PDB file of N, CA and C in Angstrom:
ATOM      1  N   MET A   1       0.807  -1.165  -0.025  1.00  0.00           N
ATOM      2  CA  MET A   1      -0.030  -0.038   0.006  1.00  0.00           C
ATOM      3  C   MET A   1       0.881   1.185   0.019  1.00  0.00           C
ATOM      4  N   THR A   2       0.516   2.094  -0.795  1.00  0.00           N
ATOM      5  CA  THR A   2       1.538   3.361  -1.021  1.00  0.00           C
ATOM      6  C   THR A   2       0.573   4.510  -0.571  1.00  0.00           C
ATOM      7  N   SER A   3       1.213   5.419   0.066  1.00  0.00           N
ATOM      8  CA  SER A   3       0.452   6.466   0.494  1.00  0.00           C
ATOM      9  C   SER A   3       0.894   7.714  -0.378  1.00  0.00           C
ATOM     10  N   VAL A   4       0.043   8.712  -0.601  1.00  0.00           N
ATOM     11  CA  VAL A   4       0.427   9.853  -1.471  1.00  0.00           C
ATOM     12  C   VAL A   4       0.410  10.995  -0.488  1.00  0.00           C
ATOM     13  N   LEU A   5       1.690  11.682  -0.566  1.00  0.00           N
ATOM     14  CA  LEU A   5       1.767  12.759   0.314  1.00  0.00           C
ATOM     15  C   LEU A   5       1.275  14.047  -0.556  1.00  0.00           C
ATOM     16  N   GLN A   6       0.353  14.894   0.036  1.00  0.00           N
ATOM     17  CA  GLN A   6       0.033  15.964  -0.785  1.00  0.00           C
ATOM     18  C   GLN A   6       0.555  17.198   0.055  1.00  0.00           C
ATOM     19  N   GLU A   7       1.100  18.165  -0.696  1.00  0.00           N
ATOM     20  CA  GLU A   7       1.576  19.284  -0.092  1.00  0.00           C
ATOM     21  C   GLU A   7       0.676  20.408  -0.245  1.00  0.00           C
ATOM     22  N   SER A   8       0.396  21.049   0.845  1.00  0.00           N
ATOM     23  CA  SER A   8      -0.483  22.264   0.753  1.00  0.00           C
ATOM     24  C   SER A   8       0.424  23.436   0.952  1.00  0.00           C
ATOM     25  N   LYS A   9      -0.208  24.563   0.598  1.00  0.00           N
ATOM     26  CA  LYS A   9       0.609  25.919   0.744  1.00  0.00           C
ATOM     27  C   LYS A   9       1.092  26.120   2.229  1.00  0.00           C
ATOM     28  N   THR A  10       0.293  25.651   3.282  1.00  0.00           N
ATOM     29  CA  THR A  10       0.705  25.892   4.662  1.00  0.00           C
ATOM     30  C   THR A  10       1.792  24.917   4.945  1.00  0.00           C
ATOM     31  N   ASP A  11       2.073  23.675   4.216  1.00  0.00           N
ATOM     32  CA  ASP A  11       3.085  22.884   4.623  1.00  0.00           C
ATOM     33  C   ASP A  11       4.424  23.266   4.210  1.00  0.00           C
ATOM     34  N   VAL A  12       4.495  24.149   3.321  1.00  0.00           N
ATOM     35  CA  VAL A  12       5.782  24.643   2.778  1.00  0.00           C
ATOM     36  C   VAL A  12       6.089  25.961   3.445  1.00  0.00           C
ATOM     37  N   MET A  13       7.056  26.113   4.255  1.00  0.00           N
ATOM     38  CA  MET A  13       7.677  27.223   4.846  1.00  0.00           C
ATOM     39  C   MET A  13       8.450  28.079   3.947  1.00  0.00           C
ATOM     40  N   PRO A  14       7.983  29.364   3.823  1.00  0.00           N
ATOM     41  CA  PRO A  14       8.913  30.115   2.912  1.00  0.00           C
ATOM     42  C   PRO A  14      10.215  30.437   3.491  1.00  0.00           C
ATOM     43  N   THR A  15      11.212  30.424   2.695  1.00  0.00           N
ATOM     44  CA  THR A  15      12.547  30.779   3.089  1.00  0.00           C
ATOM     45  C   THR A  15      12.722  32.310   3.367  1.00  0.00           C
ATOM     46  N   ARG A  16      13.276  32.598   4.402  1.00  0.00           N
ATOM     47  CA  ARG A  16      13.467  34.120   4.719  1.00  0.00           C
ATOM     48  C   ARG A  16      14.725  34.685   4.145  1.00  0.00           C
ATOM     49  N   ARG A  17      14.606  35.693   3.577  1.00  0.00           N
ATOM     50  CA  ARG A  17      15.803  36.247   2.990  1.00  0.00           C
ATOM     51  C   ARG A  17      16.406  37.068   3.976  1.00  0.00           C
ATOM     52  N   PRO A  18      17.810  37.216   3.967  1.00  0.00           N
ATOM     53  CA  PRO A  18      18.404  37.992   4.957  1.00  0.00           C
ATOM     54  C   PRO A  18      17.973  39.541   4.783  1.00  0.00           C
ATOM     55  N   ARG A  19      17.828  40.216   5.948  1.00  0.00           N
ATOM     56  CA  ARG A  19      17.406  41.625   5.890  1.00  0.00           C
ATOM     57  C   ARG A  19      18.490  42.558   5.312  1.00  0.00           C
ATOM     58  N   LEU A  20      18.255  43.246   4.226  1.00  0.00           N
ATOM     59  CA  LEU A  20      19.048  44.121   3.674  1.00  0.00           C
ATOM     60  C   LEU A  20      19.258  45.401   4.714  1.00  0.00           C
ATOM     61  N   LEU A  21      20.538  45.740   4.990  1.00  0.00           N
ATOM     62  CA  LEU A  21      20.735  46.721   5.910  1.00  0.00           C
ATOM     63  C   LEU A  21      20.908  47.980   5.062  1.00  0.00           C
ATOM     64  N   THR A  22      20.046  48.976   5.202  1.00  0.00           N
ATOM     65  CA  THR A  22      20.061  50.253   4.489  1.00  0.00           C
ATOM     66  C   THR A  22      20.341  51.357   5.479  1.00  0.00           C
ATOM     67  N   LEU A  23      20.741  52.409   4.765  1.00  0.00           N
ATOM     68  CA  LEU A  23      21.154  53.613   5.555  1.00  0.00           C
ATOM     69  C   LEU A  23      20.651  54.827   4.686  1.00  0.00           C
ATOM     70  N   SER A  24      19.762  55.740   5.295  1.00  0.00           N
ATOM     71  CA  SER A  24      19.362  56.804   4.607  1.00  0.00           C
ATOM     72  C   SER A  24      20.431  57.988   4.761  1.00  0.00           C
ATOM     73  N   VAL A  25      20.280  59.076   4.110  1.00  0.00           N
ATOM     74  CA  VAL A  25      21.235  60.210   4.191  1.00  0.00           C
ATOM     75  C   VAL A  25      21.166  60.795   5.643  1.00  0.00           C
ATOM     76  N   LYS A  26      20.044  60.791   6.265  1.00  0.00           N
ATOM     77  CA  LYS A  26      19.880  61.374   7.605  1.00  0.00           C
ATOM     78  C   LYS A  26      20.440  60.292   8.692  1.00  0.00           C
ATOM     79  N   GLU A  27      20.107  58.971   8.402  1.00  0.00           N
ATOM     80  CA  GLU A  27      20.788  58.042   9.327  1.00  0.00           C
ATOM     81  C   GLU A  27      22.253  58.037   9.274  1.00  0.00           C
ATOM     82  N   SER A  28      22.983  58.113   7.997  1.00  0.00           N
ATOM     83  CA  SER A  28      24.298  58.258   7.778  1.00  0.00           C
ATOM     84  C   SER A  28      24.865  59.356   8.571  1.00  0.00           C
ATOM     85  N   LEU A  29      24.330  60.510   8.469  1.00  0.00           N
ATOM     86  CA  LEU A  29      24.687  61.777   8.998  1.00  0.00           C
ATOM     87  C   LEU A  29      24.736  61.605  10.607  1.00  0.00           C
ATOM     88  N   ILE A  30      23.554  60.960  11.115  1.00  0.00           N
ATOM     89  CA  ILE A  30      23.464  60.773  12.596  1.00  0.00           C
ATOM     90  C   ILE A  30      24.636  59.843  13.043  1.00  0.00           C
ATOM     91  N   LEU A  31      24.771  58.893  12.344  1.00  0.00           N
ATOM     92  CA  LEU A  31      25.948  57.871  12.664  1.00  0.00           C
ATOM     93  C   LEU A  31      27.298  58.559  12.707  1.00  0.00           C
ATOM     94  N   GLU A  32      27.469  59.422  11.747  1.00  0.00           N
ATOM     95  CA  GLU A  32      28.840  60.090  11.580  1.00  0.00           C
ATOM     96  C   GLU A  32      28.868  60.965  12.725  1.00  0.00           C
ATOM     97  N   LEU A  33      27.998  61.784  13.116  1.00  0.00           N
ATOM     98  CA  LEU A  33      28.064  62.562  14.257  1.00  0.00           C
ATOM     99  C   LEU A  33      28.178  61.811  15.625  1.00  0.00           C
ATOM    100  N   LEU A  34      27.464  60.697  15.754  1.00  0.00           N
ATOM    101  CA  LEU A  34      27.670  59.957  16.884  1.00  0.00           C
ATOM    102  C   LEU A  34      29.032  59.183  17.023  1.00  0.00           C
ATOM    103  N   SER A  35      29.500  58.907  15.846  1.00  0.00           N
ATOM    104  CA  SER A  35      30.796  58.240  15.875  1.00  0.00           C
ATOM    105  C   SER A  35      31.820  59.120  16.334  1.00  0.00           C
ATOM    106  N   ASP A  36      31.834  60.462  16.113  1.00  0.00           N
ATOM    107  CA  ASP A  36      32.744  61.440  16.474  1.00  0.00           C
ATOM    108  C   ASP A  36      32.677  61.795  17.927  1.00  0.00           C
ATOM    109  N   ARG A  37      31.543  61.627  18.618  1.00  0.00           N
ATOM    110  CA  ARG A  37      31.241  61.844  19.973  1.00  0.00           C
ATOM    111  C   ARG A  37      30.769  60.705  20.608  1.00  0.00           C
ATOM    112  N   ALA A  38      30.919  60.594  21.974  1.00  0.00           N
ATOM    113  CA  ALA A  38      30.369  59.478  22.724  1.00  0.00           C
ATOM    114  C   ALA A  38      28.864  59.457  22.742  1.00  0.00           C
ATOM    115  N   GLU A  39      28.070  60.439  23.140  1.00  0.00           N
ATOM    116  CA  GLU A  39      26.703  60.473  23.263  1.00  0.00           C
ATOM    117  C   GLU A  39      26.192  61.876  23.147  1.00  0.00           C
ATOM    118  N   LEU A  40      25.167  62.030  22.332  1.00  0.00           N
ATOM    119  CA  LEU A  40      24.503  63.309  22.114  1.00  0.00           C
ATOM    120  C   LEU A  40      22.934  63.070  22.279  1.00  0.00           C
ATOM    121  N   TYR A  41      22.196  64.150  22.608  1.00  0.00           N
ATOM    122  CA  TYR A  41      20.794  64.139  22.454  1.00  0.00           C
ATOM    123  C   TYR A  41      20.358  64.881  21.360  1.00  0.00           C
ATOM    124  N   GLY A  42      19.117  64.602  21.053  1.00  0.00           N
ATOM    125  CA  GLY A  42      18.533  65.066  19.767  1.00  0.00           C
ATOM    126  C   GLY A  42      18.800  66.451  19.301  1.00  0.00           C
ATOM    127  N   LEU A  43      18.795  67.430  20.138  1.00  0.00           N
ATOM    128  CA  LEU A  43      18.980  68.779  19.837  1.00  0.00           C
ATOM    129  C   LEU A  43      20.464  69.057  19.581  1.00  0.00           C
ATOM    130  N   GLN A  44      21.286  68.324  20.206  1.00  0.00           N
ATOM    131  CA  GLN A  44      22.713  68.486  20.056  1.00  0.00           C
ATOM    132  C   GLN A  44      23.051  68.005  18.552  1.00  0.00           C
ATOM    133  N   LEU A  45      22.327  66.964  18.143  1.00  0.00           N
ATOM    134  CA  LEU A  45      22.481  66.355  16.771  1.00  0.00           C
ATOM    135  C   LEU A  45      22.034  67.429  15.764  1.00  0.00           C
ATOM    136  N   VAL A  46      20.974  67.986  16.072  1.00  0.00           N
ATOM    137  CA  VAL A  46      20.424  69.163  15.044  1.00  0.00           C
ATOM    138  C   VAL A  46      21.474  70.198  15.013  1.00  0.00           C
ATOM    139  N   ALA A  47      21.934  70.648  16.096  1.00  0.00           N
ATOM    140  CA  ALA A  47      23.041  71.773  16.094  1.00  0.00           C
ATOM    141  C   ALA A  47      24.254  71.321  15.368  1.00  0.00           C
ATOM    142  N   ALA A  48      24.662  70.042  15.803  1.00  0.00           N
ATOM    143  CA  ALA A  48      25.947  69.612  15.139  1.00  0.00           C
ATOM    144  C   ALA A  48      25.995  69.477  13.538  1.00  0.00           C
ATOM    145  N   SER A  49      24.653  69.157  13.181  1.00  0.00           N
ATOM    146  CA  SER A  49      24.492  68.831  11.571  1.00  0.00           C
ATOM    147  C   SER A  49      24.511  70.182  10.879  1.00  0.00           C
ATOM    148  N   LYS A  50      24.595  71.152  11.396  1.00  0.00           N
ATOM    149  CA  LYS A  50      24.599  72.577  10.751  1.00  0.00           C
ATOM    150  C   LYS A  50      23.364  72.639   9.756  1.00  0.00           C
ATOM    151  N   ARG A  51      22.182  72.561  10.415  1.00  0.00           N
ATOM    152  CA  ARG A  51      20.952  72.596   9.805  1.00  0.00           C
ATOM    153  C   ARG A  51      20.561  71.385   8.763  1.00  0.00           C
ATOM    154  N   LYS A  52      21.332  70.511   8.620  1.00  0.00           N
ATOM    155  CA  LYS A  52      20.975  69.323   7.877  1.00  0.00           C
ATOM    156  C   LYS A  52      19.884  68.390   8.437  1.00  0.00           C
ATOM    157  N   LEU A  53      19.834  68.456   9.777  1.00  0.00           N
ATOM    158  CA  LEU A  53      18.766  67.703  10.445  1.00  0.00           C
ATOM    159  C   LEU A  53      17.828  68.708  10.968  1.00  0.00           C
ATOM    160  N   LYS A  54      16.595  68.387  11.040  1.00  0.00           N
ATOM    161  CA  LYS A  54      15.567  69.301  11.624  1.00  0.00           C
ATOM    162  C   LYS A  54      14.977  68.763  12.931  1.00  0.00           C
ATOM    163  N   ARG A  55      14.556  69.674  13.822  1.00  0.00           N
ATOM    164  CA  ARG A  55      13.872  69.251  14.999  1.00  0.00           C
ATOM    165  C   ARG A  55      12.818  68.109  14.904  1.00  0.00           C
ATOM    166  N   GLY A  56      11.949  68.438  13.885  1.00  0.00           N
ATOM    167  CA  GLY A  56      10.797  67.525  13.547  1.00  0.00           C
ATOM    168  C   GLY A  56      11.074  66.250  13.056  1.00  0.00           C
ATOM    169  N   THR A  57      12.279  65.999  12.540  1.00  0.00           N
ATOM    170  CA  THR A  57      12.498  64.658  11.978  1.00  0.00           C
ATOM    171  C   THR A  57      13.621  63.856  12.757  1.00  0.00           C
ATOM    172  N   VAL A  58      14.423  64.557  13.411  1.00  0.00           N
ATOM    173  CA  VAL A  58      15.574  63.958  14.173  1.00  0.00           C
ATOM    174  C   VAL A  58      15.086  62.899  15.008  1.00  0.00           C
ATOM    175  N   TYR A  59      14.030  63.089  15.798  1.00  0.00           N
ATOM    176  CA  TYR A  59      13.560  62.052  16.792  1.00  0.00           C
ATOM    177  C   TYR A  59      12.898  60.928  16.162  1.00  0.00           C
ATOM    178  N   VAL A  60      12.201  61.151  14.981  1.00  0.00           N
ATOM    179  CA  VAL A  60      11.544  60.111  14.320  1.00  0.00           C
ATOM    180  C   VAL A  60      12.759  59.169  13.642  1.00  0.00           C
ATOM    181  N   THR A  61      13.729  59.678  13.103  1.00  0.00           N
ATOM    182  CA  THR A  61      14.851  59.104  12.487  1.00  0.00           C
ATOM    183  C   THR A  61      15.616  58.295  13.580  1.00  0.00           C
ATOM    184  N   LEU A  62      15.762  58.914  14.719  1.00  0.00           N
ATOM    185  CA  LEU A  62      16.425  58.233  15.819  1.00  0.00           C
ATOM    186  C   LEU A  62      15.718  57.080  16.297  1.00  0.00           C
ATOM    187  N   GLY A  63      14.244  57.140  16.373  1.00  0.00           N
ATOM    188  CA  GLY A  63      13.517  55.937  16.764  1.00  0.00           C
ATOM    189  C   GLY A  63      13.644  54.813  15.792  1.00  0.00           C
ATOM    190  N   ARG A  64      13.597  55.138  14.593  1.00  0.00           N
ATOM    191  CA  ARG A  64      13.717  54.147  13.468  1.00  0.00           C
ATOM    192  C   ARG A  64      15.086  53.503  13.492  1.00  0.00           C
ATOM    193  N   MET A  65      16.050  54.229  13.831  1.00  0.00           N
ATOM    194  CA  MET A  65      17.458  53.804  13.996  1.00  0.00           C
ATOM    195  C   MET A  65      17.594  52.844  15.043  1.00  0.00           C
ATOM    196  N   GLU A  66      16.947  53.194  16.268  1.00  0.00           N
ATOM    197  CA  GLU A  66      16.994  52.368  17.417  1.00  0.00           C
ATOM    198  C   GLU A  66      16.395  50.947  17.236  1.00  0.00           C
ATOM    199  N   GLU A  67      15.207  50.958  16.470  1.00  0.00           N
ATOM    200  CA  GLU A  67      14.578  49.797  16.094  1.00  0.00           C
ATOM    201  C   GLU A  67      15.519  48.906  15.119  1.00  0.00           C
ATOM    202  N   LYS A  68      16.216  49.481  14.238  1.00  0.00           N
ATOM    203  CA  LYS A  68      17.139  48.832  13.475  1.00  0.00           C
ATOM    204  C   LYS A  68      18.341  48.256  14.221  1.00  0.00           C
ATOM    205  N   GLY A  69      18.658  48.763  15.418  1.00  0.00           N
ATOM    206  CA  GLY A  69      19.785  48.413  16.222  1.00  0.00           C
ATOM    207  C   GLY A  69      21.015  49.231  15.935  1.00  0.00           C
ATOM    208  N   TYR A  70      20.903  50.435  15.237  1.00  0.00           N
ATOM    209  CA  TYR A  70      21.967  51.224  14.791  1.00  0.00           C
ATOM    210  C   TYR A  70      22.357  52.195  15.968  1.00  0.00           C
ATOM    211  N   VAL A  71      21.424  52.537  16.826  1.00  0.00           N
ATOM    212  CA  VAL A  71      21.799  53.380  17.996  1.00  0.00           C
ATOM    213  C   VAL A  71      21.107  52.802  19.238  1.00  0.00           C
ATOM    214  N   THR A  72      21.620  53.237  20.341  1.00  0.00           N
ATOM    215  CA  THR A  72      20.946  52.942  21.629  1.00  0.00           C
ATOM    216  C   THR A  72      20.758  54.130  22.375  1.00  0.00           C
ATOM    217  N   SER A  73      19.709  54.205  23.285  1.00  0.00           N
ATOM    218  CA  SER A  73      19.542  55.516  24.067  1.00  0.00           C
ATOM    219  C   SER A  73      19.338  55.100  25.493  1.00  0.00           C
ATOM    220  N   ARG A  74      19.429  56.282  26.316  1.00  0.00           N
ATOM    221  CA  ARG A  74      19.250  56.160  27.686  1.00  0.00           C
ATOM    222  C   ARG A  74      18.687  57.628  28.247  1.00  0.00           C
ATOM    223  N   LEU A  75      17.841  57.479  29.166  1.00  0.00           N
ATOM    224  CA  LEU A  75      17.367  58.636  29.855  1.00  0.00           C
ATOM    225  C   LEU A  75      18.405  59.219  30.849  1.00  0.00           C
ATOM    226  N   GLU A  76      18.616  60.450  30.763  1.00  0.00           N
ATOM    227  CA  GLU A  76      19.525  61.199  31.779  1.00  0.00           C
ATOM    228  C   GLU A  76      18.694  62.295  32.534  1.00  0.00           C
ATOM    229  N   ASP A  77      18.918  62.393  33.828  1.00  0.00           N
ATOM    230  CA  ASP A  77      18.279  63.359  34.435  1.00  0.00           C
ATOM    231  C   ASP A  77      18.589  64.823  33.897  1.00  0.00           C
ATOM    232  N   GLY A  78      17.577  65.630  33.775  1.00  0.00           N
ATOM    233  CA  GLY A  78      17.779  66.909  33.113  1.00  0.00           C
ATOM    234  C   GLY A  78      18.595  67.915  34.041  1.00  0.00           C
ATOM    235  N   PRO A  79      19.320  68.846  33.593  1.00  0.00           N
ATOM    236  CA  PRO A  79      20.119  69.757  34.378  1.00  0.00           C
ATOM    237  C   PRO A  79      19.002  70.675  35.141  1.00  0.00           C
ATOM    238  N   PRO A  80      19.363  70.933  36.325  1.00  0.00           N
ATOM    239  CA  PRO A  80      18.300  71.662  37.208  1.00  0.00           C
ATOM    240  C   PRO A  80      18.117  73.110  36.441  1.00  0.00           C
ATOM    241  N   ASP A  81      18.954  73.815  35.874  1.00  0.00           N
ATOM    242  CA  ASP A  81      18.827  75.105  35.325  1.00  0.00           C
ATOM    243  C   ASP A  81      18.093  74.899  33.972  1.00  0.00           C
ATOM    244  N   MET A  82      17.618  73.772  33.526  1.00  0.00           N
ATOM    245  CA  MET A  82      16.852  73.748  32.319  1.00  0.00           C
ATOM    246  C   MET A  82      15.556  73.064  32.661  1.00  0.00           C
ATOM    247  N   GLY A  83      14.973  73.277  33.757  1.00  0.00           N
ATOM    248  CA  GLY A  83      13.767  72.798  34.226  1.00  0.00           C
ATOM    249  C   GLY A  83      13.725  71.449  34.757  1.00  0.00           C
ATOM    250  N   GLY A  84      14.792  70.809  34.740  1.00  0.00           N
ATOM    251  CA  GLY A  84      14.973  69.432  35.393  1.00  0.00           C
ATOM    252  C   GLY A  84      14.258  68.335  34.497  1.00  0.00           C
ATOM    253  N   MET A  85      13.887  68.567  33.253  1.00  0.00           N
ATOM    254  CA  MET A  85      13.308  67.647  32.385  1.00  0.00           C
ATOM    255  C   MET A  85      14.375  66.676  31.880  1.00  0.00           C
ATOM    256  N   PRO A  86      14.019  65.228  32.074  1.00  0.00           N
ATOM    257  CA  PRO A  86      15.045  64.358  31.657  1.00  0.00           C
ATOM    258  C   PRO A  86      15.233  64.452  30.092  1.00  0.00           C
ATOM    259  N   ARG A  87      16.323  63.951  29.716  1.00  0.00           N
ATOM    260  CA  ARG A  87      16.655  63.896  28.145  1.00  0.00           C
ATOM    261  C   ARG A  87      17.154  62.697  27.817  1.00  0.00           C
ATOM    262  N   ARG A  88      16.937  62.352  26.594  1.00  0.00           N
ATOM    263  CA  ARG A  88      17.398  60.969  26.088  1.00  0.00           C
ATOM    264  C   ARG A  88      18.773  61.146  25.382  1.00  0.00           C
ATOM    265  N   LEU A  89      19.727  60.439  25.601  1.00  0.00           N
ATOM    266  CA  LEU A  89      21.065  60.504  24.997  1.00  0.00           C
ATOM    267  C   LEU A  89      21.172  59.398  24.078  1.00  0.00           C
ATOM    268  N   TYR A  90      21.786  59.552  23.035  1.00  0.00           N
ATOM    269  CA  TYR A  90      21.927  58.462  21.925  1.00  0.00           C
ATOM    270  C   TYR A  90      23.433  58.182  21.598  1.00  0.00           C
ATOM    271  N   GLN A  91      23.698  56.904  21.368  1.00  0.00           N
ATOM    272  CA  GLN A  91      25.119  56.579  21.002  1.00  0.00           C
ATOM    273  C   GLN A  91      24.955  55.477  19.920  1.00  0.00           C
ATOM    274  N   ALA A  92      26.006  55.442  18.986  1.00  0.00           N
ATOM    275  CA  ALA A  92      25.940  54.363  17.896  1.00  0.00           C
ATOM    276  C   ALA A  92      26.386  53.061  18.577  1.00  0.00           C
ATOM    277  N   THR A  93      25.800  52.088  17.986  1.00  0.00           N
ATOM    278  CA  THR A  93      26.091  50.786  18.348  1.00  0.00           C
ATOM    279  C   THR A  93      27.218  50.304  17.545  1.00  0.00           C
ATOM    280  N   PRO A  94      27.843  49.083  17.946  1.00  0.00           N
ATOM    281  CA  PRO A  94      28.756  48.529  16.964  1.00  0.00           C
ATOM    282  C   PRO A  94      28.162  48.203  15.635  1.00  0.00           C
ATOM    283  N   LEU A  95      26.934  47.695  15.632  1.00  0.00           N
ATOM    284  CA  LEU A  95      26.231  47.391  14.323  1.00  0.00           C
ATOM    285  C   LEU A  95      26.194  48.730  13.426  1.00  0.00           C
ATOM    286  N   GLY A  96      25.762  49.731  14.119  1.00  0.00           N
ATOM    287  CA  GLY A  96      25.681  51.004  13.444  1.00  0.00           C
ATOM    288  C   GLY A  96      26.985  51.532  12.843  1.00  0.00           C
ATOM    289  N   ARG A  97      27.976  51.366  13.603  1.00  0.00           N
ATOM    290  CA  ARG A  97      29.308  51.807  13.165  1.00  0.00           C
ATOM    291  C   ARG A  97      29.795  50.844  11.913  1.00  0.00           C
ATOM    292  N   ARG A  98      29.483  49.540  12.056  1.00  0.00           N
ATOM    293  CA  ARG A  98      29.834  48.677  10.948  1.00  0.00           C
ATOM    294  C   ARG A  98      29.110  49.039   9.691  1.00  0.00           C
ATOM    295  N   VAL A  99      27.742  49.317   9.889  1.00  0.00           N
ATOM    296  CA  VAL A  99      26.947  49.525   8.699  1.00  0.00           C
ATOM    297  C   VAL A  99      27.455  50.912   8.238  1.00  0.00           C
ATOM    298  N   LEU A 100      27.720  51.898   8.909  1.00  0.00           N
ATOM    299  CA  LEU A 100      28.167  53.186   8.359  1.00  0.00           C
ATOM    300  C   LEU A 100      29.516  52.959   7.649  1.00  0.00           C
ATOM    301  N   ALA A 101      30.454  52.202   8.132  1.00  0.00           N
ATOM    302  CA  ALA A 101      31.697  51.869   7.450  1.00  0.00           C
ATOM    303  C   ALA A 101      31.402  51.171   6.110  1.00  0.00           C
ATOM    304  N   ALA A 102      30.625  50.196   6.165  1.00  0.00           N
ATOM    305  CA  ALA A 102      30.409  49.422   4.836  1.00  0.00           C
ATOM    306  C   ALA A 102      29.574  50.304   3.919  1.00  0.00           C
ATOM    307  N   TRP A 103      28.628  51.079   4.353  1.00  0.00           N
ATOM    308  CA  TRP A 103      27.891  52.048   3.371  1.00  0.00           C
ATOM    309  C   TRP A 103      28.883  53.044   2.920  1.00  0.00           C
ATOM    310  N   SER A 104      29.686  53.581   3.683  1.00  0.00           N
ATOM    311  CA  SER A 104      30.724  54.596   3.115  1.00  0.00           C
ATOM    312  C   SER A 104      31.720  54.040   2.158  1.00  0.00           C
ATOM    313  N   ALA A 105      32.144  52.815   2.406  1.00  0.00           N
ATOM    314  CA  ALA A 105      33.007  52.101   1.550  1.00  0.00           C
ATOM    315  C   ALA A 105      32.386  51.835   0.182  1.00  0.00           C
ATOM    316  N   ALA A 106      31.090  51.339   0.280  1.00  0.00           N
ATOM    317  CA  ALA A 106      30.343  50.914  -0.915  1.00  0.00           C
ATOM    318  C   ALA A 106      30.208  52.270  -1.691  1.00  0.00           C
ATOM    319  N   THR A 107      29.725  53.206  -1.082  1.00  0.00           N
ATOM    320  CA  THR A 107      29.281  54.474  -1.725  1.00  0.00           C
ATOM    321  C   THR A 107      30.602  55.052  -2.506  1.00  0.00           C
ATOM    322  N   THR A 108      31.710  55.022  -1.894  1.00  0.00           N
ATOM    323  CA  THR A 108      32.987  55.524  -2.434  1.00  0.00           C
ATOM    324  C   THR A 108      33.434  54.612  -3.706  1.00  0.00           C
ATOM    325  N   HIS A 109      33.389  53.373  -3.455  1.00  0.00           N
ATOM    326  CA  HIS A 109      33.928  52.393  -4.495  1.00  0.00           C
ATOM    327  C   HIS A 109      32.882  52.200  -5.673  1.00  0.00           C
ATOM    328  N   LEU A 110      31.574  52.068  -5.299  1.00  0.00           N
ATOM    329  CA  LEU A 110      30.641  51.630  -6.241  1.00  0.00           C
ATOM    330  C   LEU A 110      29.863  52.721  -7.025  1.00  0.00           C
ATOM    331  N   ILE A 111      29.734  53.889  -6.123  1.00  0.00           N
ATOM    332  CA  ILE A 111      29.062  54.970  -6.586  1.00  0.00           C
ATOM    333  C   ILE A 111      29.977  56.169  -6.451  1.00  0.00           C
ATOM    334  N   PRO A 112      30.993  56.481  -7.225  1.00  0.00           N
ATOM    335  CA  PRO A 112      31.939  57.552  -6.732  1.00  0.00           C
ATOM    336  C   PRO A 112      31.275  58.949  -6.814  1.00  0.00           C
ATOM    337  N   GLU A 113      30.282  59.097  -7.950  1.00  0.00           N
ATOM    338  CA  GLU A 113      29.675  60.328  -7.932  1.00  0.00           C
ATOM    339  C   GLU A 113      28.892  60.837  -6.762  1.00  0.00           C
ATOM    340  N   PHE A 114      28.475  59.865  -5.852  1.00  0.00           N
ATOM    341  CA  PHE A 114      27.720  60.151  -4.689  1.00  0.00           C
ATOM    342  C   PHE A 114      28.695  60.272  -3.415  1.00  0.00           C
ATOM    343  N   ALA A 115      29.845  59.911  -3.541  1.00  0.00           N
ATOM    344  CA  ALA A 115      30.790  59.952  -2.476  1.00  0.00           C
ATOM    345  C   ALA A 115      31.026  61.420  -1.949  1.00  0.00           C
ATOM    346  N   ARG A 116      31.102  61.548  -0.728  1.00  0.00           N
ATOM    347  CA  ARG A 116      31.338  62.815  -0.071  1.00  0.00           C
ATOM    348  C   ARG A 116      32.711  63.303  -0.042  1.00  0.00           C
TER     349      ARG A 116
END
C-alpha cells in the first residue's frame, strides 16, 4: 500500500531572505556625528548637523535607527537650570558603526559620484 503525500501551501515554509541593511542620508549623518562623539541628545545632533537635520525629523529618525539596532539610548536626568526635564542621550552601536563603514566604502567604490 502506498500513500500519497500532498503538499498544501501551509506545509511549505517560505525561506526568509536576510534583511538588507540600508542607511538613509539622515541616518548616515547621525551615525557620523555619533561616531565622532560619545553620546548626544537630539537637539545636539540638530545643532552639530549645521541645519541638515531638523527638530521635527531627528527624533523620528532616531527611533527608526534604534529599532534597526544602529543606535541605543538612555534617559538622563535633566540639568536643574533647564527645568529638570530628563533627556534622552543616543550613541552608535557596534552594528551602526559597521553599517556606516560598509555603506561609506560601498558608496566610495561603487558609486563615486555620490561619495562625499
